[in-house]
Amino acid sequence: MLLTKHDNRTFENQTVYISGQAFINCKFVGCTLVLRETIYHLEQCSFERCNWHVDWVLMWGSPESIREIKGLVSMIEQAQQQAIAAGQLDPGGTQQAAPRADTKSGA
């Protein structure tokens, strides 16, 4: 299967269908990422405040199915750990509020 390649792109506040695509060095910010059980490729991508919609059949007795879903969950966990380290997410899973530009300091 031939994949559509996206290289060094930023996706913001949109729904992105991961399936059938190759993303290399891409950044996803505030996106809904849709993954269905077909081939895809994610390499050196970053994820900030993204929600995942995963539609995947885990076949009974198929270690490959389990490995694939574990790899995806591991990637999501890694992105969340990076957000915690950057102060964008507290360890309890709550997003940190961004400072408001219209807030005035003082009385």
C-alpha atoms as a PDB file:
ATOM      1  CA  MET A   1       0.000   0.000   0.000  1.00  0.00           C
ATOM      2  CA  LEU A   2       1.318   3.412  -0.964  1.00  0.00           C
ATOM      3  CA  LEU A   3       1.160   5.990   1.844  1.00  0.00           C
ATOM      4  CA  THR A   4       0.645   9.726   1.421  1.00  0.00           C
ATOM      5  CA  LYS A   5       3.718  11.406   2.942  1.00  0.00           C
ATOM      6  CA  HIS A   6       3.625  14.508   5.135  1.00  0.00           C
ATOM      7  CA  ASP A   7       7.022  15.874   6.166  1.00  0.00           C
ATOM      8  CA  ASN A   8       7.750  18.695   8.665  1.00  0.00           C
ATOM      9  CA  ARG A   9       4.150  19.921   8.824  1.00  0.00           C
ATOM     10  CA  THR A  10       2.161  21.352  11.709  1.00  0.00           C
ATOM     11  CA  PHE A  11      -1.488  20.387  12.119  1.00  0.00           C
ATOM     12  CA  GLU A  12      -3.538  22.555  14.491  1.00  0.00           C
ATOM     13  CA  ASN A  13      -7.120  22.199  15.748  1.00  0.00           C
ATOM     14  CA  GLN A  14      -8.235  19.789  13.058  1.00  0.00           C
ATOM     15  CA  THR A  15      -9.261  16.193  12.553  1.00  0.00           C
ATOM     16  CA  VAL A  16      -6.424  14.213  10.986  1.00  0.00           C
ATOM     17  CA  TYR A  17      -6.887  10.725   9.591  1.00  0.00           C
ATOM     18  CA  ILE A  18      -3.664   8.872  10.397  1.00  0.00           C
ATOM     19  CA  SER A  19      -4.554   5.688   8.512  1.00  0.00           C
ATOM     20  CA  GLY A  20      -3.001   5.392   5.064  1.00  0.00           C
ATOM     21  CA  GLN A  21      -0.621   8.276   5.778  1.00  0.00           C
ATOM     22  CA  ALA A  22       3.055   8.693   6.659  1.00  0.00           C
ATOM     23  CA  PHE A  23       3.923  11.566   9.010  1.00  0.00           C
ATOM     24  CA  ILE A  24       7.600  12.432   9.495  1.00  0.00           C
ATOM     25  CA  ASN A  25       8.747  15.192  11.867  1.00  0.00           C
ATOM     26  CA  CYS A  26       5.202  16.536  12.100  1.00  0.00           C
ATOM     27  CA  LYS A  27       3.619  18.418  14.985  1.00  0.00           C
ATOM     28  CA  PHE A  28       0.001  17.924  16.032  1.00  0.00           C
ATOM     29  CA  VAL A  29      -1.562  20.557  18.299  1.00  0.00           C
ATOM     30  CA  GLY A  30      -5.112  20.293  19.634  1.00  0.00           C
ATOM     31  CA  CYS A  31      -6.065  17.746  16.976  1.00  0.00           C
ATOM     32  CA  THR A  32      -8.368  14.764  16.919  1.00  0.00           C
ATOM     33  CA  LEU A  33      -6.352  11.922  15.437  1.00  0.00           C
ATOM     34  CA  VAL A  34      -8.352   9.132  13.811  1.00  0.00           C
ATOM     35  CA  LEU A  35      -6.713   5.757  13.438  1.00  0.00           C
ATOM     36  CA  ARG A  36      -8.393   2.793  11.868  1.00  0.00           C
ATOM     37  CA  GLU A  37      -6.796  -0.575  11.391  1.00  0.00           C
ATOM     38  CA  THR A  38      -4.735  -0.056   8.279  1.00  0.00           C
ATOM     39  CA  ILE A  39      -1.116   0.717   7.640  1.00  0.00           C
ATOM     40  CA  TYR A  40       0.314   4.054   8.805  1.00  0.00           C
ATOM     41  CA  HIS A  41       3.691   5.521   9.724  1.00  0.00           C
ATOM     42  CA  LEU A  42       4.570   8.051  12.453  1.00  0.00           C
ATOM     43  CA  GLU A  43       8.226   9.068  12.822  1.00  0.00           C
ATOM     44  CA  GLN A  44       9.648  11.751  15.129  1.00  0.00           C
ATOM     45  CA  CYS A  45       6.242  13.436  15.547  1.00  0.00           C
ATOM     46  CA  SER A  46       5.081  15.475  18.536  1.00  0.00           C
ATOM     47  CA  PHE A  47       1.588  15.637  20.008  1.00  0.00           C
ATOM     48  CA  GLU A  48       0.155  18.426  22.187  1.00  0.00           C
ATOM     49  CA  ARG A  49      -3.376  18.248  23.613  1.00  0.00           C
ATOM     50  CA  CYS A  50      -4.529  15.722  21.006  1.00  0.00           C
ATOM     51  CA  ASN A  51      -7.420  13.314  21.359  1.00  0.00           C
ATOM     52  CA  TRP A  52      -7.243   9.903  19.735  1.00  0.00           C
ATOM     53  CA  HIS A  53     -10.096   8.024  18.095  1.00  0.00           C
ATOM     54  CA  VAL A  54      -8.882   4.453  17.637  1.00  0.00           C
ATOM     55  CA  ASP A  55     -10.978   1.857  15.809  1.00  0.00           C
ATOM     56  CA  TRP A  56      -8.982  -1.349  15.965  1.00  0.00           C
ATOM     57  CA  VAL A  57      -9.901  -5.028  16.051  1.00  0.00           C
ATOM     58  CA  LEU A  58      -7.627  -7.024  18.344  1.00  0.00           C
ATOM     59  CA  MET A  59      -7.651 -10.556  17.001  1.00  0.00           C
ATOM     60  CA  TRP A  60      -7.776 -13.312  19.596  1.00  0.00           C
ATOM     61  CA  GLY A  61      -4.538 -15.273  19.550  1.00  0.00           C
ATOM     62  CA  SER A  62      -2.683 -12.639  17.506  1.00  0.00           C
ATOM     63  CA  PRO A  63       0.404 -11.360  19.328  1.00  0.00           C
ATOM     64  CA  GLU A  64       0.971  -8.903  16.462  1.00  0.00           C
ATOM     65  CA  SER A  65      -2.360  -7.150  17.171  1.00  0.00           C
ATOM     66  CA  ILE A  66      -1.417  -6.747  20.826  1.00  0.00           C
ATOM     67  CA  ARG A  67       2.091  -5.467  19.963  1.00  0.00           C
ATOM     68  CA  GLU A  68       0.679  -2.852  17.589  1.00  0.00           C
ATOM     69  CA  ILE A  69      -1.836  -1.431  20.065  1.00  0.00           C
ATOM     70  CA  LYS A  70       0.776  -1.472  22.860  1.00  0.00           C
ATOM     71  CA  GLY A  71       3.145   0.485  20.598  1.00  0.00           C
ATOM     72  CA  LEU A  72       0.455   3.100  19.982  1.00  0.00           C
ATOM     73  CA  VAL A  73      -0.380   3.410  23.693  1.00  0.00           C
ATOM     74  CA  SER A  74       3.329   3.703  24.495  1.00  0.00           C
ATOM     75  CA  MET A  75       3.686   6.553  21.990  1.00  0.00           C
ATOM     76  CA  ILE A  76       0.696   8.383  23.536  1.00  0.00           C
ATOM     77  CA  GLU A  77       2.107   7.881  27.049  1.00  0.00           C
ATOM     78  CA  GLN A  78       5.461   9.266  25.919  1.00  0.00           C
ATOM     79  CA  ALA A  79       3.767  12.380  24.493  1.00  0.00           C
ATOM     80  CA  GLN A  80       1.932  12.890  27.794  1.00  0.00           C
ATOM     81  CA  GLN A  81       5.165  12.523  29.776  1.00  0.00           C
ATOM     82  CA  GLN A  82       6.751  15.190  27.576  1.00  0.00           C
ATOM     83  CA  ALA A  83       3.766  17.483  28.244  1.00  0.00           C
ATOM     84  CA  ILE A  84       4.159  16.923  32.006  1.00  0.00           C
ATOM     85  CA  ALA A  85       7.874  17.750  31.801  1.00  0.00           C
ATOM     86  CA  ALA A  86       7.062  20.928  29.840  1.00  0.00           C
ATOM     87  CA  GLY A  87       4.462  21.980  32.441  1.00  0.00           C
ATOM     88  CA  GLN A  88       1.554  21.642  29.975  1.00  0.00           C
ATOM     89  CA  LEU A  89      -0.096  18.799  31.873  1.00  0.00           C
ATOM     90  CA  ASP A  90      -0.136  17.998  35.557  1.00  0.00           C
ATOM     91  CA  PRO A  91       0.686  14.431  36.621  1.00  0.00           C
ATOM     92  CA  GLY A  92      -3.017  13.877  37.394  1.00  0.00           C
ATOM     93  CA  GLY A  93      -3.863  14.414  33.733  1.00  0.00           C
ATOM     94  CA  THR A  94      -5.329  17.916  33.893  1.00  0.00           C
ATOM     95  CA  GLN A  95      -4.180  20.407  31.278  1.00  0.00           C
ATOM     96  CA  GLN A  96      -2.584  23.573  32.588  1.00  0.00           C
ATOM     97  CA  ALA A  97      -4.446  26.721  31.621  1.00  0.00           C
ATOM     98  CA  ALA A  98      -2.588  28.970  29.246  1.00  0.00           C
ATOM     99  CA  PRO A  99      -2.037  32.511  30.542  1.00  0.00           C
ATOM    100  CA  ARG A 100      -4.623  34.932  29.195  1.00  0.00           C
ATOM    101  CA  ALA A 101      -3.286  37.797  27.142  1.00  0.00           C
ATOM    102  CA  ASP A 102      -5.997  40.172  28.385  1.00  0.00           C
ATOM    103  CA  THR A 103      -5.268  39.648  32.094  1.00  0.00           C
ATOM    104  CA  LYS A 104      -3.999  42.777  33.801  1.00  0.00           C
ATOM    105  CA  SER A 105      -1.684  42.584  36.773  1.00  0.00           C
ATOM    106  CA  GLY A 106      -2.069  44.798  39.793  1.00  0.00           C
ATOM    107  CA  ALA A 107      -5.204  46.324  41.324  1.00  0.00           C
END
